[in-house]
Amino acid sequence: MNTAKHLFTGLLILLMAACAAAPVQEMSDARQALQAAREVGAERMAGAVYHEAQQLMSNAERELDAGDFYRARDLALTARQKAMDARQIALDKAK
């Protein structure tokens, strides 16, 4: 029983450490999504959505610099989704 308690505590600590880590992958994914959107003309064809994604990414970078990794992660994930939306809008308009 004591071993299980120690194992649980160790896993909990690892999980908390992972959550508190800098959101490197999320930031990279958002940048890549913005680049993919830019490559299909989303800046021109889906301007409002694309610019919203850019703004969210700027905010994520600012929060990352300030050390608020939770907020940076959330903003980066939202920026990625908006960039993917802008890319899809641009692709749909190009058809």
PDB file of N, CA and C in Angstrom:
ATOM      1  N   MET A   1       0.829  -1.191   0.000  1.00  0.00           N
ATOM      2  CA  MET A   1       0.000   0.000   0.000  1.00  0.00           C
ATOM      3  C   MET A   1       0.870   1.250   0.000  1.00  0.00           C
ATOM      4  N   ASN A   2       1.909   1.248   0.802  1.00  0.00           N
ATOM      5  CA  ASN A   2       2.807   2.379   0.889  1.00  0.00           C
ATOM      6  C   ASN A   2       3.509   2.617  -0.446  1.00  0.00           C
ATOM      7  N   THR A   3       3.873   1.535  -1.153  1.00  0.00           N
ATOM      8  CA  THR A   3       4.522   1.642  -2.455  1.00  0.00           C
ATOM      9  C   THR A   3       3.582   2.303  -3.464  1.00  0.00           C
ATOM     10  N   ALA A   4       2.329   1.925  -3.442  1.00  0.00           N
ATOM     11  CA  ALA A   4       1.349   2.521  -4.351  1.00  0.00           C
ATOM     12  C   ALA A   4       1.194   4.014  -4.073  1.00  0.00           C
ATOM     13  N   LYS A   5       1.222   4.372  -2.817  1.00  0.00           N
ATOM     14  CA  LYS A   5       1.095   5.787  -2.441  1.00  0.00           C
ATOM     15  C   LYS A   5       2.295   6.574  -2.969  1.00  0.00           C
ATOM     16  N   HIS A   6       3.490   6.013  -2.841  1.00  0.00           N
ATOM     17  CA  HIS A   6       4.695   6.680  -3.341  1.00  0.00           C
ATOM     18  C   HIS A   6       4.675   6.780  -4.866  1.00  0.00           C
ATOM     19  N   LEU A   7       4.201   5.736  -5.509  1.00  0.00           N
ATOM     20  CA  LEU A   7       4.107   5.740  -6.969  1.00  0.00           C
ATOM     21  C   LEU A   7       3.138   6.821  -7.429  1.00  0.00           C
ATOM     22  N   PHE A   8       2.001   6.895  -6.774  1.00  0.00           N
ATOM     23  CA  PHE A   8       1.004   7.910  -7.124  1.00  0.00           C
ATOM     24  C   PHE A   8       1.574   9.315  -6.924  1.00  0.00           C
ATOM     25  N   THR A   9       2.249   9.514  -5.815  1.00  0.00           N
ATOM     26  CA  THR A   9       2.848  10.823  -5.525  1.00  0.00           C
ATOM     27  C   THR A   9       3.888  11.181  -6.584  1.00  0.00           C
ATOM     28  N   GLY A  10       4.714  10.223  -6.960  1.00  0.00           N
ATOM     29  CA  GLY A  10       5.717  10.455  -7.990  1.00  0.00           C
ATOM     30  C   GLY A  10       5.091  10.804  -9.331  1.00  0.00           C
ATOM     31  N   LEU A  11       4.052  10.096  -9.702  1.00  0.00           N
ATOM     32  CA  LEU A  11       3.362  10.386 -10.962  1.00  0.00           C
ATOM     33  C   LEU A  11       2.707  11.761 -10.933  1.00  0.00           C
ATOM     34  N   LEU A  12       2.149  12.112  -9.812  1.00  0.00           N
ATOM     35  CA  LEU A  12       1.523  13.427  -9.664  1.00  0.00           C
ATOM     36  C   LEU A  12       2.561  14.539  -9.823  1.00  0.00           C
ATOM     37  N   ILE A  13       3.716  14.350  -9.240  1.00  0.00           N
ATOM     38  CA  ILE A  13       4.785  15.348  -9.365  1.00  0.00           C
ATOM     39  C   ILE A  13       5.246  15.463 -10.812  1.00  0.00           C
ATOM     40  N   LEU A  14       5.407  14.339 -11.483  1.00  0.00           N
ATOM     41  CA  LEU A  14       5.805  14.367 -12.901  1.00  0.00           C
ATOM     42  C   LEU A  14       4.763  15.079 -13.758  1.00  0.00           C
ATOM     43  N   LEU A  15       3.506  14.801 -13.495  1.00  0.00           N
ATOM     44  CA  LEU A  15       2.437  15.452 -14.247  1.00  0.00           C
ATOM     45  C   LEU A  15       2.448  16.955 -14.029  1.00  0.00           C
ATOM     46  N   MET A  16       2.621  17.375 -12.796  1.00  0.00           N
ATOM     47  CA  MET A  16       2.659  18.810 -12.495  1.00  0.00           C
ATOM     48  C   MET A  16       3.869  19.474 -13.157  1.00  0.00           C
ATOM     49  N   ALA A  17       4.996  18.795 -13.157  1.00  0.00           N
ATOM     50  CA  ALA A  17       6.200  19.346 -13.792  1.00  0.00           C
ATOM     51  C   ALA A  17       5.996  19.474 -15.294  1.00  0.00           C
ATOM     52  N   ALA A  18       5.342  18.504 -15.901  1.00  0.00           N
ATOM     53  CA  ALA A  18       5.094  18.560 -17.341  1.00  0.00           C
ATOM     54  C   ALA A  18       4.174  19.721 -17.692  1.00  0.00           C
ATOM     55  N   CYS A  19       3.183  19.956 -16.868  1.00  0.00           N
ATOM     56  CA  CYS A  19       2.246  21.055 -17.114  1.00  0.00           C
ATOM     57  C   CYS A  19       2.920  22.408 -16.954  1.00  0.00           C
ATOM     58  N   ALA A  20       3.893  22.491 -16.082  1.00  0.00           N
ATOM     59  CA  ALA A  20       4.550  23.759 -15.815  1.00  0.00           C
ATOM     60  C   ALA A  20       5.690  24.047 -16.785  1.00  0.00           C
ATOM     61  N   ALA A  21       6.027  23.087 -17.634  1.00  0.00           N
ATOM     62  CA  ALA A  21       7.114  23.271 -18.587  1.00  0.00           C
ATOM     63  C   ALA A  21       6.705  24.249 -19.676  1.00  0.00           C
ATOM     64  N   ALA A  22       7.689  24.888 -20.259  1.00  0.00           N
ATOM     65  CA  ALA A  22       7.429  25.820 -21.364  1.00  0.00           C
ATOM     66  C   ALA A  22       6.738  25.072 -22.507  1.00  0.00           C
ATOM     67  N   PRO A  23       5.745  25.693 -23.107  1.00  0.00           N
ATOM     68  CA  PRO A  23       4.980  25.033 -24.169  1.00  0.00           C
ATOM     69  C   PRO A  23       5.692  25.095 -25.530  1.00  0.00           C
ATOM     70  N   VAL A  24       6.876  24.518 -25.589  1.00  0.00           N
ATOM     71  CA  VAL A  24       7.705  24.587 -26.789  1.00  0.00           C
ATOM     72  C   VAL A  24       6.990  23.991 -27.989  1.00  0.00           C
ATOM     73  N   GLN A  25       6.426  22.807 -27.828  1.00  0.00           N
ATOM     74  CA  GLN A  25       5.771  22.140 -28.958  1.00  0.00           C
ATOM     75  C   GLN A  25       4.547  22.921 -29.430  1.00  0.00           C
ATOM     76  N   GLU A  26       3.757  23.410 -28.497  1.00  0.00           N
ATOM     77  CA  GLU A  26       2.555  24.157 -28.867  1.00  0.00           C
ATOM     78  C   GLU A  26       2.909  25.437 -29.623  1.00  0.00           C
ATOM     79  N   MET A  27       3.966  26.102 -29.179  1.00  0.00           N
ATOM     80  CA  MET A  27       4.410  27.325 -29.860  1.00  0.00           C
ATOM     81  C   MET A  27       4.881  26.988 -31.276  1.00  0.00           C
ATOM     82  N   SER A  28       5.643  25.929 -31.405  1.00  0.00           N
ATOM     83  CA  SER A  28       6.137  25.504 -32.712  1.00  0.00           C
ATOM     84  C   SER A  28       4.978  25.125 -33.635  1.00  0.00           C
ATOM     85  N   ASP A  29       4.028  24.390 -33.111  1.00  0.00           N
ATOM     86  CA  ASP A  29       2.869  23.986 -33.920  1.00  0.00           C
ATOM     87  C   ASP A  29       2.089  25.201 -34.412  1.00  0.00           C
ATOM     88  N   ALA A  30       1.923  26.186 -33.559  1.00  0.00           N
ATOM     89  CA  ALA A  30       1.192  27.396 -33.949  1.00  0.00           C
ATOM     90  C   ALA A  30       1.949  28.159 -35.033  1.00  0.00           C
ATOM     91  N   ARG A  31       3.259  28.269 -34.882  1.00  0.00           N
ATOM     92  CA  ARG A  31       4.070  28.951 -35.914  1.00  0.00           C
ATOM     93  C   ARG A  31       3.974  28.225 -37.251  1.00  0.00           C
ATOM     94  N   GLN A  32       4.022  26.910 -37.217  1.00  0.00           N
ATOM     95  CA  GLN A  32       3.922  26.123 -38.443  1.00  0.00           C
ATOM     96  C   GLN A  32       2.553  26.287 -39.092  1.00  0.00           C
ATOM     97  N   ALA A  33       1.512  26.338 -38.281  1.00  0.00           N
ATOM     98  CA  ALA A  33       0.163  26.523 -38.821  1.00  0.00           C
ATOM     99  C   ALA A  33       0.025  27.907 -39.456  1.00  0.00           C
ATOM    100  N   LEU A  34       0.612  28.917 -38.836  1.00  0.00           N
ATOM    101  CA  LEU A  34       0.591  30.261 -39.423  1.00  0.00           C
ATOM    102  C   LEU A  34       1.340  30.278 -40.759  1.00  0.00           C
ATOM    103  N   GLN A  35       2.475  29.607 -40.812  1.00  0.00           N
ATOM    104  CA  GLN A  35       3.240  29.539 -42.056  1.00  0.00           C
ATOM    105  C   GLN A  35       2.447  28.818 -43.147  1.00  0.00           C
ATOM    106  N   ALA A  36       1.809  27.723 -42.794  1.00  0.00           N
ATOM    107  CA  ALA A  36       1.006  26.973 -43.759  1.00  0.00           C
ATOM    108  C   ALA A  36      -0.153  27.827 -44.273  1.00  0.00           C
ATOM    109  N   ALA A  37      -0.753  28.600 -43.389  1.00  0.00           N
ATOM    110  CA  ALA A  37      -1.847  29.486 -43.798  1.00  0.00           C
ATOM    111  C   ALA A  37      -1.331  30.579 -44.729  1.00  0.00           C
ATOM    112  N   ARG A  38      -0.189  31.137 -44.393  1.00  0.00           N
ATOM    113  CA  ARG A  38       0.409  32.196 -45.212  1.00  0.00           C
ATOM    114  C   ARG A  38       0.730  31.671 -46.616  1.00  0.00           C
ATOM    115  N   GLU A  39       1.198  30.442 -46.689  1.00  0.00           N
ATOM    116  CA  GLU A  39       1.595  29.855 -47.975  1.00  0.00           C
ATOM    117  C   GLU A  39       0.439  29.674 -48.949  1.00  0.00           C
ATOM    118  N   VAL A  40      -0.782  29.561 -48.442  1.00  0.00           N
ATOM    119  CA  VAL A  40      -1.934  29.411 -49.336  1.00  0.00           C
ATOM    120  C   VAL A  40      -2.710  30.720 -49.495  1.00  0.00           C
ATOM    121  N   GLY A  41      -2.128  31.811 -49.020  1.00  0.00           N
ATOM    122  CA  GLY A  41      -2.747  33.115 -49.220  1.00  0.00           C
ATOM    123  C   GLY A  41      -3.796  33.499 -48.193  1.00  0.00           C
ATOM    124  N   ALA A  42      -3.745  32.908 -47.027  1.00  0.00           N
ATOM    125  CA  ALA A  42      -4.757  33.205 -46.006  1.00  0.00           C
ATOM    126  C   ALA A  42      -4.712  34.658 -45.558  1.00  0.00           C
ATOM    127  N   GLU A  43      -3.557  35.260 -45.620  1.00  0.00           N
ATOM    128  CA  GLU A  43      -3.433  36.662 -45.210  1.00  0.00           C
ATOM    129  C   GLU A  43      -4.355  37.543 -46.054  1.00  0.00           C
ATOM    130  N   ARG A  44      -4.467  37.190 -47.317  1.00  0.00           N
ATOM    131  CA  ARG A  44      -5.290  37.950 -48.247  1.00  0.00           C
ATOM    132  C   ARG A  44      -6.722  37.424 -48.310  1.00  0.00           C
ATOM    133  N   MET A  45      -6.877  36.112 -48.275  1.00  0.00           N
ATOM    134  CA  MET A  45      -8.182  35.497 -48.522  1.00  0.00           C
ATOM    135  C   MET A  45      -9.009  35.251 -47.254  1.00  0.00           C
ATOM    136  N   ALA A  46      -8.362  35.297 -46.119  1.00  0.00           N
ATOM    137  CA  ALA A  46      -9.054  35.078 -44.841  1.00  0.00           C
ATOM    138  C   ALA A  46      -8.449  36.021 -43.807  1.00  0.00           C
ATOM    139  N   GLY A  47      -8.322  37.272 -44.209  1.00  0.00           N
ATOM    140  CA  GLY A  47      -7.582  38.263 -43.434  1.00  0.00           C
ATOM    141  C   GLY A  47      -7.935  38.359 -41.973  1.00  0.00           C
ATOM    142  N   ALA A  48      -9.211  38.461 -41.653  1.00  0.00           N
ATOM    143  CA  ALA A  48      -9.600  38.661 -40.248  1.00  0.00           C
ATOM    144  C   ALA A  48      -9.201  37.471 -39.381  1.00  0.00           C
ATOM    145  N   VAL A  49      -9.450  36.278 -39.870  1.00  0.00           N
ATOM    146  CA  VAL A  49      -9.138  35.077 -39.102  1.00  0.00           C
ATOM    147  C   VAL A  49      -7.622  34.910 -39.007  1.00  0.00           C
ATOM    148  N   TYR A  50      -6.932  35.152 -40.108  1.00  0.00           N
ATOM    149  CA  TYR A  50      -5.475  35.032 -40.118  1.00  0.00           C
ATOM    150  C   TYR A  50      -4.843  36.037 -39.149  1.00  0.00           C
ATOM    151  N   HIS A  51      -5.302  37.265 -39.182  1.00  0.00           N
ATOM    152  CA  HIS A  51      -4.746  38.292 -38.295  1.00  0.00           C
ATOM    153  C   HIS A  51      -5.073  38.008 -36.825  1.00  0.00           C
ATOM    154  N   GLU A  52      -6.232  37.412 -36.577  1.00  0.00           N
ATOM    155  CA  GLU A  52      -6.554  37.009 -35.215  1.00  0.00           C
ATOM    156  C   GLU A  52      -5.560  35.942 -34.731  1.00  0.00           C
ATOM    157  N   ALA A  53      -5.233  34.994 -35.609  1.00  0.00           N
ATOM    158  CA  ALA A  53      -4.252  33.963 -35.272  1.00  0.00           C
ATOM    159  C   ALA A  53      -2.890  34.587 -34.980  1.00  0.00           C
ATOM    160  N   GLN A  54      -2.506  35.567 -35.792  1.00  0.00           N
ATOM    161  CA  GLN A  54      -1.230  36.255 -35.566  1.00  0.00           C
ATOM    162  C   GLN A  54      -1.221  36.979 -34.216  1.00  0.00           C
ATOM    163  N   GLN A  55      -2.306  37.628 -33.902  1.00  0.00           N
ATOM    164  CA  GLN A  55      -2.402  38.353 -32.638  1.00  0.00           C
ATOM    165  C   GLN A  55      -2.338  37.390 -31.454  1.00  0.00           C
ATOM    166  N   LEU A  56      -3.045  36.284 -31.566  1.00  0.00           N
ATOM    167  CA  LEU A  56      -3.002  35.278 -30.511  1.00  0.00           C
ATOM    168  C   LEU A  56      -1.581  34.751 -30.324  1.00  0.00           C
ATOM    169  N   MET A  57      -0.870  34.561 -31.438  1.00  0.00           N
ATOM    170  CA  MET A  57       0.503  34.077 -31.363  1.00  0.00           C
ATOM    171  C   MET A  57       1.400  35.110 -30.693  1.00  0.00           C
ATOM    172  N   SER A  58       1.218  36.371 -31.030  1.00  0.00           N
ATOM    173  CA  SER A  58       1.990  37.438 -30.377  1.00  0.00           C
ATOM    174  C   SER A  58       1.727  37.455 -28.875  1.00  0.00           C
ATOM    175  N   ASN A  59       0.468  37.285 -28.508  1.00  0.00           N
ATOM    176  CA  ASN A  59       0.110  37.247 -27.087  1.00  0.00           C
ATOM    177  C   ASN A  59       0.735  36.030 -26.409  1.00  0.00           C
ATOM    178  N   ALA A  60       0.739  34.895 -27.102  1.00  0.00           N
ATOM    179  CA  ALA A  60       1.356  33.683 -26.542  1.00  0.00           C
ATOM    180  C   ALA A  60       2.844  33.906 -26.304  1.00  0.00           C
ATOM    181  N   GLU A  61       3.507  34.549 -27.246  1.00  0.00           N
ATOM    182  CA  GLU A  61       4.935  34.823 -27.096  1.00  0.00           C
ATOM    183  C   GLU A  61       5.196  35.763 -25.924  1.00  0.00           C
ATOM    184  N   ARG A  62       4.337  36.742 -25.764  1.00  0.00           N
ATOM    185  CA  ARG A  62       4.478  37.686 -24.649  1.00  0.00           C
ATOM    186  C   ARG A  62       4.298  36.960 -23.311  1.00  0.00           C
ATOM    187  N   GLU A  63       3.298  36.088 -23.238  1.00  0.00           N
ATOM    188  CA  GLU A  63       3.064  35.332 -22.004  1.00  0.00           C
ATOM    189  C   GLU A  63       4.201  34.354 -21.726  1.00  0.00           C
ATOM    190  N   LEU A  64       4.737  33.766 -22.775  1.00  0.00           N
ATOM    191  CA  LEU A  64       5.883  32.867 -22.615  1.00  0.00           C
ATOM    192  C   LEU A  64       7.071  33.622 -22.033  1.00  0.00           C
ATOM    193  N   ASP A  65       7.339  34.799 -22.592  1.00  0.00           N
ATOM    194  CA  ASP A  65       8.431  35.634 -22.086  1.00  0.00           C
ATOM    195  C   ASP A  65       8.215  36.040 -20.626  1.00  0.00           C
ATOM    196  N   ALA A  66       6.952  36.224 -20.256  1.00  0.00           N
ATOM    197  CA  ALA A  66       6.625  36.619 -18.882  1.00  0.00           C
ATOM    198  C   ALA A  66       6.627  35.421 -17.929  1.00  0.00           C
ATOM    199  N   GLY A  67       6.752  34.217 -18.480  1.00  0.00           N
ATOM    200  CA  GLY A  67       6.793  33.024 -17.645  1.00  0.00           C
ATOM    201  C   GLY A  67       5.449  32.410 -17.328  1.00  0.00           C
ATOM    202  N   ASP A  68       4.387  32.911 -17.950  1.00  0.00           N
ATOM    203  CA  ASP A  68       3.057  32.330 -17.724  1.00  0.00           C
ATOM    204  C   ASP A  68       2.836  31.236 -18.764  1.00  0.00           C
ATOM    205  N   PHE A  69       3.377  30.063 -18.469  1.00  0.00           N
ATOM    206  CA  PHE A  69       3.360  28.968 -19.436  1.00  0.00           C
ATOM    207  C   PHE A  69       1.959  28.429 -19.692  1.00  0.00           C
ATOM    208  N   TYR A  70       1.111  28.440 -18.679  1.00  0.00           N
ATOM    209  CA  TYR A  70      -0.262  27.966 -18.867  1.00  0.00           C
ATOM    210  C   TYR A  70      -0.997  28.850 -19.876  1.00  0.00           C
ATOM    211  N   ARG A  71      -0.911  30.147 -19.683  1.00  0.00           N
ATOM    212  CA  ARG A  71      -1.586  31.093 -20.586  1.00  0.00           C
ATOM    213  C   ARG A  71      -0.956  31.030 -21.976  1.00  0.00           C
ATOM    214  N   ALA A  72       0.358  30.939 -22.048  1.00  0.00           N
ATOM    215  CA  ALA A  72       1.046  30.848 -23.341  1.00  0.00           C
ATOM    216  C   ALA A  72       0.586  29.610 -24.100  1.00  0.00           C
ATOM    217  N   ARG A  73       0.469  28.485 -23.396  1.00  0.00           N
ATOM    218  CA  ARG A  73       0.021  27.246 -24.034  1.00  0.00           C
ATOM    219  C   ARG A  73      -1.389  27.404 -24.587  1.00  0.00           C
ATOM    220  N   ASP A  74      -2.290  27.942 -23.782  1.00  0.00           N
ATOM    221  CA  ASP A  74      -3.675  28.133 -24.230  1.00  0.00           C
ATOM    222  C   ASP A  74      -3.746  29.041 -25.456  1.00  0.00           C
ATOM    223  N   LEU A  75      -3.009  30.138 -25.412  1.00  0.00           N
ATOM    224  CA  LEU A  75      -3.013  31.072 -26.540  1.00  0.00           C
ATOM    225  C   LEU A  75      -2.407  30.441 -27.793  1.00  0.00           C
ATOM    226  N   ALA A  76      -1.336  29.680 -27.625  1.00  0.00           N
ATOM    227  CA  ALA A  76      -0.709  29.025 -28.773  1.00  0.00           C
ATOM    228  C   ALA A  76      -1.648  28.003 -29.395  1.00  0.00           C
ATOM    229  N   LEU A  77      -2.348  27.250 -28.565  1.00  0.00           N
ATOM    230  CA  LEU A  77      -3.305  26.274 -29.096  1.00  0.00           C
ATOM    231  C   LEU A  77      -4.436  26.964 -29.862  1.00  0.00           C
ATOM    232  N   THR A  78      -4.911  28.070 -29.331  1.00  0.00           N
ATOM    233  CA  THR A  78      -5.973  28.813 -30.007  1.00  0.00           C
ATOM    234  C   THR A  78      -5.452  29.441 -31.293  1.00  0.00           C
ATOM    235  N   ALA A  79      -4.231  29.961 -31.262  1.00  0.00           N
ATOM    236  CA  ALA A  79      -3.620  30.537 -32.465  1.00  0.00           C
ATOM    237  C   ALA A  79      -3.483  29.479 -33.552  1.00  0.00           C
ATOM    238  N   ARG A  80      -3.063  28.294 -33.167  1.00  0.00           N
ATOM    239  CA  ARG A  80      -2.924  27.198 -34.135  1.00  0.00           C
ATOM    240  C   ARG A  80      -4.262  26.888 -34.783  1.00  0.00           C
ATOM    241  N   GLN A  81      -5.308  26.794 -33.974  1.00  0.00           N
ATOM    242  CA  GLN A  81      -6.631  26.478 -34.523  1.00  0.00           C
ATOM    243  C   GLN A  81      -7.116  27.578 -35.464  1.00  0.00           C
ATOM    244  N   LYS A  82      -6.920  28.823 -35.067  1.00  0.00           N
ATOM    245  CA  LYS A  82      -7.338  29.946 -35.922  1.00  0.00           C
ATOM    246  C   LYS A  82      -6.545  29.948 -37.227  1.00  0.00           C
ATOM    247  N   ALA A  83      -5.257  29.652 -37.153  1.00  0.00           N
ATOM    248  CA  ALA A  83      -4.436  29.596 -38.362  1.00  0.00           C
ATOM    249  C   ALA A  83      -4.911  28.473 -39.278  1.00  0.00           C
ATOM    250  N   MET A  84      -5.266  27.335 -38.700  1.00  0.00           N
ATOM    251  CA  MET A  84      -5.786  26.231 -39.516  1.00  0.00           C
ATOM    252  C   MET A  84      -7.126  26.612 -40.141  1.00  0.00           C
ATOM    253  N   ASP A  85      -7.947  27.335 -39.386  1.00  0.00           N
ATOM    254  CA  ASP A  85      -9.226  27.812 -39.926  1.00  0.00           C
ATOM    255  C   ASP A  85      -8.982  28.765 -41.094  1.00  0.00           C
ATOM    256  N   ALA A  86      -8.050  29.687 -40.923  1.00  0.00           N
ATOM    257  CA  ALA A  86      -7.739  30.650 -41.984  1.00  0.00           C
ATOM    258  C   ALA A  86      -7.219  29.933 -43.221  1.00  0.00           C
ATOM    259  N   ARG A  87      -6.377  28.945 -43.026  1.00  0.00           N
ATOM    260  CA  ARG A  87      -5.851  28.163 -44.154  1.00  0.00           C
ATOM    261  C   ARG A  87      -6.992  27.485 -44.904  1.00  0.00           C
ATOM    262  N   GLN A  88      -7.904  26.895 -44.156  1.00  0.00           N
ATOM    263  CA  GLN A  88      -9.024  26.199 -44.805  1.00  0.00           C
ATOM    264  C   GLN A  88      -9.920  27.172 -45.556  1.00  0.00           C
ATOM    265  N   ILE A  89     -10.166  28.331 -44.989  1.00  0.00           N
ATOM    266  CA  ILE A  89     -10.971  29.352 -45.678  1.00  0.00           C
ATOM    267  C   ILE A  89     -10.292  29.738 -46.981  1.00  0.00           C
ATOM    268  N   ALA A  90      -8.998  29.962 -46.944  1.00  0.00           N
ATOM    269  CA  ALA A  90      -8.258  30.340 -48.145  1.00  0.00           C
ATOM    270  C   ALA A  90      -8.312  29.225 -49.185  1.00  0.00           C
ATOM    271  N   LEU A  91      -8.155  27.985 -48.754  1.00  0.00           N
ATOM    272  CA  LEU A  91      -8.218  26.870 -49.696  1.00  0.00           C
ATOM    273  C   LEU A  91      -9.608  26.750 -50.310  1.00  0.00           C
ATOM    274  N   ASP A  92     -10.635  26.948 -49.502  1.00  0.00           N
ATOM    275  CA  ASP A  92     -12.009  26.868 -50.011  1.00  0.00           C
ATOM    276  C   ASP A  92     -12.279  27.971 -51.021  1.00  0.00           C
ATOM    277  N   LYS A  93     -11.775  29.158 -50.764  1.00  0.00           N
ATOM    278  CA  LYS A  93     -11.992  30.272 -51.692  1.00  0.00           C
ATOM    279  C   LYS A  93     -11.200  30.091 -52.984  1.00  0.00           C
ATOM    280  N   ALA A  94     -10.113  29.364 -52.929  1.00  0.00           N
ATOM    281  CA  ALA A  94      -9.281  29.153 -54.106  1.00  0.00           C
ATOM    282  C   ALA A  94      -9.879  28.127 -55.066  1.00  0.00           C
ATOM    283  N   LYS A  95     -10.863  27.376 -54.617  1.00  0.00           N
ATOM    284  CA  LYS A  95     -11.486  26.330 -55.457  1.00  0.00           C
ATOM    285  C   LYS A  95     -12.315  26.924 -56.560  1.00  0.00           C
TER     286      LYS A  95
END
